[in-house]
Amino acid sequence: MHLIVLEPYPSSRRGGQEIALFDICRGLAERGYSIILLYCQADNLLQQYQEFCVHTIQVNKFFIYRPQDIFAFFADVQKVISQLPTTEDSLILSNQFKDTPFARSLAVAKNIPLVCYLHLPPPSNAALEWKWKSLEEVKFILAVLINRFMWNTGLKGVNHFIAVSQQTKLDWVTRGYPKEMIDVVYNGIDLEVYKKASVEVIRKKFAINSDTVISFVGRLDQEKGLETLIKAFARLLKNGANTQLLIAGKSINNGEDYQKSLEQLVIDLGIEARVNFIGHVTDTISVYQVSDLTVLPSLWSEPFGRTIVESMACGTPVVASRIGGIPEILTGEFQNGLFIAGNEQDLSTKLEQMINWRERDPLLGTRCREHILAKFSLSKMIDGIEKVLKKRFSPTLAPSQNPLKV
């Protein structure tokens, strides 16, 4: 089978959806699939993509931000159509719904199926406030309307969807998409990469001087609920815990302003000596390994929560919001780590109950890893994607060995 994959940012520095797609493409390439990558901006995974892709093609943009982008968008579509080789078993895989206008244009031109990966809930249908106070607001409203029109047009051309959780599927079904058009494949990780390690050795590396460590790893955006975590952590300290909070990550949507507001909250609560903003960390594995607990305090319908499986694979239990797809990961005994989203008191209580697990239940870390090994391995994810593609598009077709033709 031949996959034409749309990924605007081939990067490991933005979030889980980019990493998941890379793992899937590499895994399928190892199984004999031909992969072509369409991308917008070169990033740190591009070179690795080029090692197994038969082609990589750069495009300016996959969607339209502003009215003046329309002509450039269709010029890019025509350019890619002329360059894009296909086979009888080709299909297009868009890694986010925002890129489906571009993907649908290619699918129609080449007469091949389109699959959309649903890493996110559907876009909000909240009504725009028509205040017309300024020219900038008018431009913003026009951009939103254009994007909504383009997304709706692109999504209507999708032949099948793959969602990362049952909750994400439900979110899209609730929006009106047929449930039979959506299969669920959970994310998986490489368990040879995410491993347990000696806590003592890692803590020396991070210069930890407290009894325990709590961490957050991810985007510093409001939907991640970091205010809830910081306030809950302050409560924990007031109850006498000798612990430290590591916040690893940076903001994608809000620049430096949101982080500054979090840093100010830490100062206002008088806990700056116990909270460390360590920025973007390439070696997130060490952060998980040094921690006693990892927290994902999301406020939105978190589609999956990759940091949960990464942390647990490293033997570190997780406390997370009971929201979105998170309860589908924290099942069985691990649902004890779920708390009410946005409730700092409930989170603080969970942290206090679980923070000393190494003394009370020293085998908990091993059971965390076994849970991920059983349900969220990299091979399970690739198997799931391959099963969907063959079932929906070529149930009897082996991976293509045919030469690509324009």
Protein backbone atom coordinates (compact mmCIF):
# COMPACT_ATOMS: atom_id res chain seq x y z
CA MET A 1 0.00 0.00 0.00
CA HIS A 2 1.13 3.53 -0.77
CA LEU A 3 0.48 6.34 1.75
CA ILE A 4 0.64 10.06 0.99
CA VAL A 5 0.95 11.69 4.40
CA LEU A 6 0.26 15.34 5.29
CA GLU A 7 2.21 16.64 8.30
CA PRO A 8 2.83 20.41 8.40
CA TYR A 9 5.54 20.18 11.07
CA PRO A 10 7.65 16.99 11.08
CA SER A 11 8.76 17.70 14.64
CA SER A 12 9.11 16.02 18.02
CA ARG A 13 8.99 19.39 19.77
CA ARG A 14 5.33 20.31 19.34
CA GLY A 15 3.24 17.51 20.78
CA GLY A 16 2.15 13.90 20.65
CA GLN A 17 0.34 13.91 17.31
CA GLU A 18 3.49 14.68 15.32
CA ILE A 19 5.46 11.96 17.13
CA ALA A 20 2.67 9.41 16.71
CA LEU A 21 2.50 9.96 12.95
CA PHE A 22 6.27 9.61 12.62
CA ASP A 23 6.23 6.32 14.54
CA ILE A 24 3.36 5.01 12.38
CA CYS A 25 5.02 5.98 9.09
CA ARG A 26 8.35 4.48 10.08
CA GLY A 27 6.67 1.29 11.31
CA LEU A 28 4.62 0.88 8.14
CA ALA A 29 7.67 1.59 5.97
CA GLU A 30 9.48 -1.23 7.79
CA ARG A 31 6.55 -3.49 6.82
CA GLY A 32 6.93 -2.67 3.14
CA TYR A 33 4.61 0.33 2.70
CA SER A 34 5.63 3.19 0.40
CA ILE A 35 5.42 6.57 2.16
CA ILE A 36 5.40 10.08 0.66
CA LEU A 37 5.56 12.99 3.10
CA LEU A 38 4.03 16.38 2.31
CA TYR A 39 5.20 19.00 4.81
CA CYS A 40 5.22 22.77 5.28
CA GLN A 41 8.10 23.59 7.58
CA ALA A 42 11.32 21.60 7.98
CA ASP A 43 11.94 20.48 11.55
CA ASN A 44 13.96 17.97 13.51
CA LEU A 45 12.16 14.83 12.26
CA LEU A 46 12.42 15.66 8.55
CA GLN A 47 15.80 14.03 8.05
CA GLN A 48 14.56 10.83 9.70
CA TYR A 49 11.47 10.86 7.49
CA GLN A 50 13.72 11.16 4.45
CA GLU A 51 15.53 7.96 5.47
CA PHE A 52 12.43 5.83 4.81
CA CYS A 53 10.13 7.94 2.61
CA VAL A 54 10.28 7.45 -1.15
CA HIS A 55 9.62 11.19 -1.59
CA THR A 56 9.27 14.30 0.58
CA ILE A 57 7.57 17.36 -0.93
CA GLN A 58 7.47 20.80 0.69
CA VAL A 59 4.31 22.92 0.51
CA ASN A 60 3.80 26.51 1.67
CA LYS A 61 0.57 25.93 3.62
CA PHE A 62 -2.09 23.26 3.90
CA PHE A 63 -4.88 25.65 4.84
CA ILE A 64 -5.91 29.27 4.42
CA TYR A 65 -5.36 31.74 7.25
CA ARG A 66 -6.40 34.92 5.45
CA PRO A 67 -8.32 35.83 2.25
CA GLN A 68 -5.05 36.74 0.51
CA ASP A 69 -3.80 33.16 1.03
CA ILE A 70 -6.40 31.67 -1.32
CA PHE A 71 -4.44 32.02 -4.57
CA ALA A 72 -1.23 30.67 -2.99
CA PHE A 73 -3.19 27.73 -1.60
CA PHE A 74 -4.52 26.63 -4.99
CA ALA A 75 -1.14 27.25 -6.62
CA ASP A 76 0.37 24.83 -4.09
CA VAL A 77 -2.36 22.29 -4.81
CA GLN A 78 -1.60 22.41 -8.55
CA LYS A 79 2.14 22.12 -7.92
CA VAL A 80 1.76 19.03 -5.73
CA ILE A 81 -0.71 17.39 -8.12
CA SER A 82 1.86 17.67 -10.92
CA GLN A 83 4.63 16.20 -8.74
CA LEU A 84 2.72 13.59 -6.77
CA PRO A 85 3.21 9.98 -7.89
CA THR A 86 0.42 7.50 -7.12
CA THR A 87 -0.35 3.81 -7.53
CA GLU A 88 -3.56 1.80 -7.71
CA ASP A 89 -3.39 1.29 -3.94
CA SER A 90 -2.57 4.90 -2.95
CA LEU A 91 -4.44 6.76 -0.25
CA ILE A 92 -3.96 10.09 1.51
CA LEU A 93 -3.60 10.36 5.29
CA SER A 94 -4.10 13.82 6.80
CA ASN A 95 -2.68 14.06 10.32
CA GLN A 96 -5.13 16.76 11.38
CA PHE A 97 -8.58 17.86 10.30
CA LYS A 98 -7.34 21.38 9.53
CA ASP A 99 -5.40 20.06 6.56
CA THR A 100 -8.29 18.23 4.92
CA PRO A 101 -9.07 21.03 2.38
CA PHE A 102 -5.64 20.49 0.82
CA ALA A 103 -5.86 16.72 1.22
CA ARG A 104 -9.31 16.57 -0.36
CA SER A 105 -8.11 18.58 -3.37
CA LEU A 106 -5.36 16.03 -3.94
CA ALA A 107 -7.69 13.08 -3.37
CA VAL A 108 -10.19 14.36 -5.94
CA ALA A 109 -7.50 15.17 -8.49
CA LYS A 110 -5.84 11.77 -8.13
CA ASN A 111 -9.09 9.83 -7.53
CA ILE A 112 -7.79 8.16 -4.36
CA PRO A 113 -9.28 7.76 -0.85
CA LEU A 114 -8.72 10.23 1.98
CA VAL A 115 -8.25 9.23 5.63
CA CYS A 116 -8.17 11.80 8.44
CA TYR A 117 -6.46 11.17 11.77
CA LEU A 118 -8.47 12.68 14.64
CA HIS A 119 -6.02 13.75 17.33
CA LEU A 120 -8.30 16.60 18.46
CA PRO A 121 -11.97 17.21 19.23
CA PRO A 122 -13.99 18.94 16.48
CA PRO A 123 -13.58 22.73 16.18
CA SER A 124 -15.85 24.83 18.33
CA ASN A 125 -19.19 25.97 16.94
CA ALA A 126 -19.32 28.91 19.33
CA ALA A 127 -20.93 31.93 17.70
CA LEU A 128 -18.72 34.84 16.76
CA GLU A 129 -19.35 38.16 18.49
CA TRP A 130 -20.05 40.62 15.71
CA LYS A 131 -18.81 43.81 17.36
CA TRP A 132 -16.90 45.23 14.40
CA LYS A 133 -14.86 47.49 16.65
CA SER A 134 -11.79 47.58 14.47
CA LEU A 135 -10.37 46.62 11.10
CA GLU A 136 -8.29 43.94 12.84
CA GLU A 137 -11.44 42.38 14.27
CA VAL A 138 -13.07 42.34 10.85
CA LYS A 139 -9.99 40.60 9.42
CA PHE A 140 -10.08 38.07 12.25
CA ILE A 141 -13.76 37.28 11.70
CA LEU A 142 -13.22 36.85 7.96
CA ALA A 143 -10.29 34.50 8.64
CA VAL A 144 -12.41 32.42 11.03
CA LEU A 145 -15.27 32.18 8.53
CA ILE A 146 -12.93 31.16 5.72
CA ASN A 147 -11.32 28.50 7.90
CA ARG A 148 -14.68 27.09 8.98
CA PHE A 149 -15.83 26.90 5.38
CA MET A 150 -12.59 25.26 4.28
CA TRP A 151 -12.57 22.72 7.13
CA ASN A 152 -16.18 21.76 6.53
CA THR A 153 -15.50 21.38 2.81
CA GLY A 154 -12.41 19.28 3.45
CA LEU A 155 -14.03 17.07 6.06
CA LYS A 156 -16.93 16.27 3.71
CA GLY A 157 -14.42 14.61 1.39
CA VAL A 158 -12.95 12.26 4.01
CA ASN A 159 -13.64 8.57 3.33
CA HIS A 160 -12.71 7.36 6.80
CA PHE A 161 -11.47 8.66 10.16
CA ILE A 162 -9.12 7.22 12.78
CA ALA A 163 -9.59 8.60 16.31
CA VAL A 164 -7.10 8.26 19.15
CA SER A 165 -9.74 7.45 21.78
CA GLN A 166 -13.38 6.46 22.17
CA GLN A 167 -14.09 9.88 23.67
CA THR A 168 -12.63 11.66 20.65
CA LYS A 169 -14.77 9.46 18.41
CA LEU A 170 -17.82 10.34 20.53
CA ASP A 171 -17.01 14.05 20.27
CA TRP A 172 -17.08 13.79 16.47
CA VAL A 173 -20.15 11.55 16.39
CA THR A 174 -21.94 14.09 18.59
CA ARG A 175 -21.05 16.70 15.99
CA GLY A 176 -22.88 14.62 13.36
CA TYR A 177 -20.27 12.32 11.83
CA PRO A 178 -21.42 8.69 11.36
CA LYS A 179 -19.90 6.35 13.95
CA GLU A 180 -19.26 3.69 11.32
CA MET A 181 -16.87 6.12 9.59
CA ILE A 182 -14.61 6.33 12.65
CA ASP A 183 -12.29 3.62 13.95
CA VAL A 184 -10.36 3.99 17.21
CA VAL A 185 -6.67 3.20 17.46
CA TYR A 186 -4.95 4.12 20.71
CA ASN A 187 -1.53 5.75 20.60
CA GLY A 188 1.44 3.56 21.42
CA ILE A 189 5.05 4.17 22.40
CA ASP A 190 8.38 2.44 21.99
CA LEU A 191 8.97 0.60 25.25
CA GLU A 192 12.63 0.17 24.39
CA VAL A 193 12.96 3.94 24.66
CA TYR A 194 10.73 4.63 27.66
CA LYS A 195 12.20 2.59 30.52
CA LYS A 196 12.60 2.56 34.28
CA ALA A 197 15.89 3.79 35.72
CA SER A 198 17.65 4.26 39.04
CA VAL A 199 15.91 7.17 40.78
CA GLU A 200 18.97 8.05 42.83
CA VAL A 201 21.18 8.48 39.76
CA ILE A 202 18.67 10.66 37.91
CA ARG A 203 18.01 12.86 40.96
CA LYS A 204 21.69 13.72 41.19
CA LYS A 205 21.52 14.87 37.56
CA PHE A 206 18.59 17.21 38.36
CA ALA A 207 20.06 18.31 41.74
CA ILE A 208 16.88 17.30 43.57
CA ASN A 209 16.95 18.20 47.25
CA SER A 210 13.42 17.21 48.28
CA ASP A 211 11.98 13.86 49.35
CA THR A 212 9.70 13.59 46.32
CA VAL A 213 9.20 15.11 42.87
CA ILE A 214 6.00 15.90 40.97
CA SER A 215 6.21 16.78 37.29
CA PHE A 216 4.21 18.15 34.39
CA VAL A 217 5.43 17.52 30.83
CA GLY A 218 3.64 19.16 27.90
CA ARG A 219 2.48 22.39 26.31
CA LEU A 220 2.12 25.39 28.60
CA ASP A 221 -1.34 26.34 27.37
CA GLN A 222 -4.45 27.24 29.34
CA GLU A 223 -6.34 24.10 28.31
CA LYS A 224 -3.73 22.02 30.13
CA GLY A 225 -4.92 23.31 33.52
CA LEU A 226 -1.58 24.32 35.01
CA GLU A 227 -3.18 26.83 37.39
CA THR A 228 -5.06 23.93 38.97
CA LEU A 229 -1.82 21.99 39.41
CA ILE A 230 0.09 24.92 40.92
CA LYS A 231 -2.69 25.72 43.40
CA ALA A 232 -3.03 22.05 44.35
CA PHE A 233 0.73 21.83 44.83
CA ALA A 234 0.62 24.85 47.15
CA ARG A 235 -2.03 23.07 49.24
CA LEU A 236 0.18 20.00 49.38
CA LEU A 237 3.10 22.04 50.70
CA LYS A 238 0.89 23.60 53.37
CA ASN A 239 0.08 20.09 54.56
CA GLY A 240 3.77 19.51 55.21
CA ALA A 241 4.92 17.61 52.10
CA ASN A 242 8.63 17.91 51.29
CA THR A 243 8.28 17.87 47.53
CA GLN A 244 9.26 19.73 44.39
CA LEU A 245 7.35 20.55 41.19
CA LEU A 246 9.02 20.41 37.77
CA ILE A 247 7.15 22.04 34.87
CA ALA A 248 8.67 20.96 31.56
CA GLY A 249 7.49 22.48 28.30
CA LYS A 250 6.75 25.71 26.51
CA SER A 251 3.72 27.45 25.10
CA ILE A 252 2.75 27.05 21.45
CA ASN A 253 -0.34 29.27 21.36
CA ASN A 254 0.36 31.99 23.91
CA GLY A 255 4.05 32.83 23.59
CA GLU A 256 5.77 33.84 26.81
CA ASP A 257 2.78 35.66 28.34
CA TYR A 258 1.08 32.55 29.70
CA GLN A 259 4.26 31.22 31.29
CA LYS A 260 4.84 34.60 32.91
CA SER A 261 1.33 34.46 34.37
CA LEU A 262 2.07 31.01 35.81
CA GLU A 263 5.36 32.22 37.25
CA GLN A 264 3.54 35.14 38.85
CA LEU A 265 0.97 32.76 40.35
CA VAL A 266 3.81 30.75 41.89
CA ILE A 267 5.24 33.95 43.41
CA ASP A 268 1.83 35.05 44.69
CA LEU A 269 1.41 31.70 46.43
CA GLY A 270 4.89 31.97 47.95
CA ILE A 271 6.10 28.64 46.57
CA GLU A 272 8.76 29.79 44.08
CA ALA A 273 11.49 27.88 45.95
CA ARG A 274 9.66 24.60 45.25
CA VAL A 275 8.61 25.11 41.61
CA ASN A 276 11.00 24.92 38.66
CA PHE A 277 10.05 25.90 35.10
CA ILE A 278 12.63 23.95 33.13
CA GLY A 279 11.40 24.86 29.63
CA HIS A 280 11.35 22.55 26.63
CA VAL A 281 13.17 19.33 27.48
CA THR A 282 14.42 17.03 24.75
CA ASP A 283 15.08 14.27 27.27
CA THR A 284 11.58 13.96 28.73
CA ILE A 285 12.37 10.39 29.76
CA SER A 286 14.70 11.66 32.50
CA VAL A 287 11.92 13.93 33.80
CA TYR A 288 9.57 10.96 34.12
CA GLN A 289 12.29 8.84 35.72
CA VAL A 290 13.21 11.48 38.30
CA SER A 291 9.58 11.97 39.32
CA ASP A 292 7.43 10.21 41.87
CA LEU A 293 4.26 11.35 40.12
CA THR A 294 3.45 12.89 36.75
CA VAL A 295 0.35 15.09 36.55
CA LEU A 296 -1.84 15.89 33.55
CA PRO A 297 -4.40 18.45 34.84
CA SER A 298 -6.23 19.06 31.55
CA LEU A 299 -9.37 21.19 31.40
CA TRP A 300 -10.38 20.33 27.84
CA SER A 301 -11.51 17.05 26.31
CA GLU A 302 -7.97 15.67 26.16
CA PRO A 303 -8.07 13.24 23.23
CA PHE A 304 -5.50 10.82 24.61
CA GLY A 305 -2.68 12.07 26.82
CA ARG A 306 0.56 10.63 25.50
CA THR A 307 2.53 11.81 28.53
CA ILE A 308 0.49 9.39 30.65
CA VAL A 309 1.71 6.30 28.82
CA GLU A 310 5.26 7.66 28.54
CA SER A 311 5.43 8.28 32.29
CA MET A 312 3.92 4.93 33.25
CA ALA A 313 6.28 3.11 30.88
CA CYS A 314 9.11 4.69 32.88
CA GLY A 315 7.56 3.30 36.07
CA THR A 316 6.11 6.60 37.29
CA PRO A 317 2.39 6.66 38.24
CA VAL A 318 0.12 9.40 36.90
CA VAL A 319 -2.52 11.66 38.41
CA ALA A 320 -4.77 13.14 35.73
CA SER A 321 -8.12 14.83 35.08
CA ARG A 322 -11.16 12.63 34.63
CA ILE A 323 -11.87 14.12 31.23
CA GLY A 324 -11.64 13.27 27.52
CA GLY A 325 -9.82 10.06 26.66
CA ILE A 326 -7.74 10.01 29.87
CA PRO A 327 -10.00 7.51 31.73
CA GLU A 328 -9.51 5.09 28.82
CA ILE A 329 -5.81 4.91 29.75
CA LEU A 330 -6.08 4.99 33.54
CA THR A 331 -8.19 1.89 33.94
CA GLY A 332 -8.31 -0.78 36.66
CA GLU A 333 -6.32 0.17 39.73
CA PHE A 334 -4.88 3.20 37.92
CA GLN A 335 -8.23 4.99 37.90
CA ASN A 336 -7.36 5.85 41.50
CA GLY A 337 -5.22 8.60 39.96
CA LEU A 338 -8.18 10.38 38.35
CA PHE A 339 -9.45 13.67 39.80
CA ILE A 340 -12.19 16.16 38.95
CA ALA A 341 -10.93 18.47 36.20
CA GLY A 342 -10.26 21.99 37.49
CA ASN A 343 -10.71 20.99 41.15
CA GLU A 344 -7.51 21.93 42.98
CA GLN A 345 -8.68 20.43 46.27
CA ASP A 346 -9.43 17.04 44.70
CA LEU A 347 -6.07 17.10 42.92
CA SER A 348 -4.24 17.99 46.12
CA THR A 349 -5.94 15.09 47.89
CA LYS A 350 -4.91 12.65 45.14
CA LEU A 351 -1.33 13.89 45.26
CA GLU A 352 -1.20 13.46 49.03
CA GLN A 353 -2.64 9.94 48.79
CA MET A 354 -0.20 8.79 46.11
CA ILE A 355 3.02 10.74 46.59
CA ASN A 356 4.66 8.20 48.94
CA TRP A 357 3.85 5.10 46.89
CA ARG A 358 7.49 4.01 46.81
CA GLU A 359 7.31 3.27 50.55
CA ARG A 360 3.76 1.90 50.70
CA ASP A 361 3.60 -0.05 47.41
CA PRO A 362 7.09 -0.36 45.85
CA LEU A 363 5.84 -2.61 43.03
CA LEU A 364 3.40 0.01 41.72
CA GLY A 365 5.96 1.34 39.22
CA THR A 366 6.42 -2.15 37.76
CA ARG A 367 2.67 -2.57 37.38
CA CYS A 368 2.48 0.81 35.63
CA ARG A 369 4.94 -0.37 33.00
CA GLU A 370 3.19 -3.73 32.58
CA HIS A 371 -0.11 -1.89 32.00
CA ILE A 372 1.41 0.12 29.14
CA LEU A 373 3.17 -2.91 27.69
CA ALA A 374 -0.15 -4.77 27.54
CA LYS A 375 -2.26 -2.00 26.01
CA PHE A 376 -0.25 0.87 24.54
CA SER A 377 2.84 -0.49 22.84
CA LEU A 378 4.15 0.89 19.55
CA SER A 379 3.50 -2.41 17.76
CA LYS A 380 -0.15 -2.39 18.89
CA MET A 381 -0.64 1.08 17.44
CA ILE A 382 0.93 0.18 14.10
CA ASP A 383 -1.03 -3.08 13.98
CA GLY A 384 -4.21 -1.10 14.62
CA ILE A 385 -3.53 1.43 11.86
CA GLU A 386 -2.63 -1.31 9.37
CA LYS A 387 -5.76 -3.26 10.24
CA VAL A 388 -7.98 -0.23 9.62
CA LEU A 389 -6.33 0.63 6.30
CA LYS A 390 -6.55 -2.92 4.96
CA LYS A 391 -10.08 -3.50 6.24
CA ARG A 392 -11.48 -0.23 4.90
CA PHE A 393 -9.57 0.10 1.64
CA SER A 394 -7.78 -3.08 0.57
CA PRO A 395 -8.70 -6.14 2.66
CA THR A 396 -6.79 -8.54 0.43
CA LEU A 397 -3.98 -6.25 -0.69
CA ALA A 398 -0.40 -6.73 0.44
CA PRO A 399 1.92 -3.72 0.84
CA SER A 400 2.68 -2.29 -2.58
CA GLN A 401 5.87 -3.11 -4.41
CA ASN A 402 4.68 -1.35 -7.57
CA PRO A 403 6.76 1.52 -9.03
CA LEU A 404 5.18 4.90 -8.40
CA LYS A 405 3.77 6.74 -11.40
CA VAL A 406 2.86 10.39 -11.77
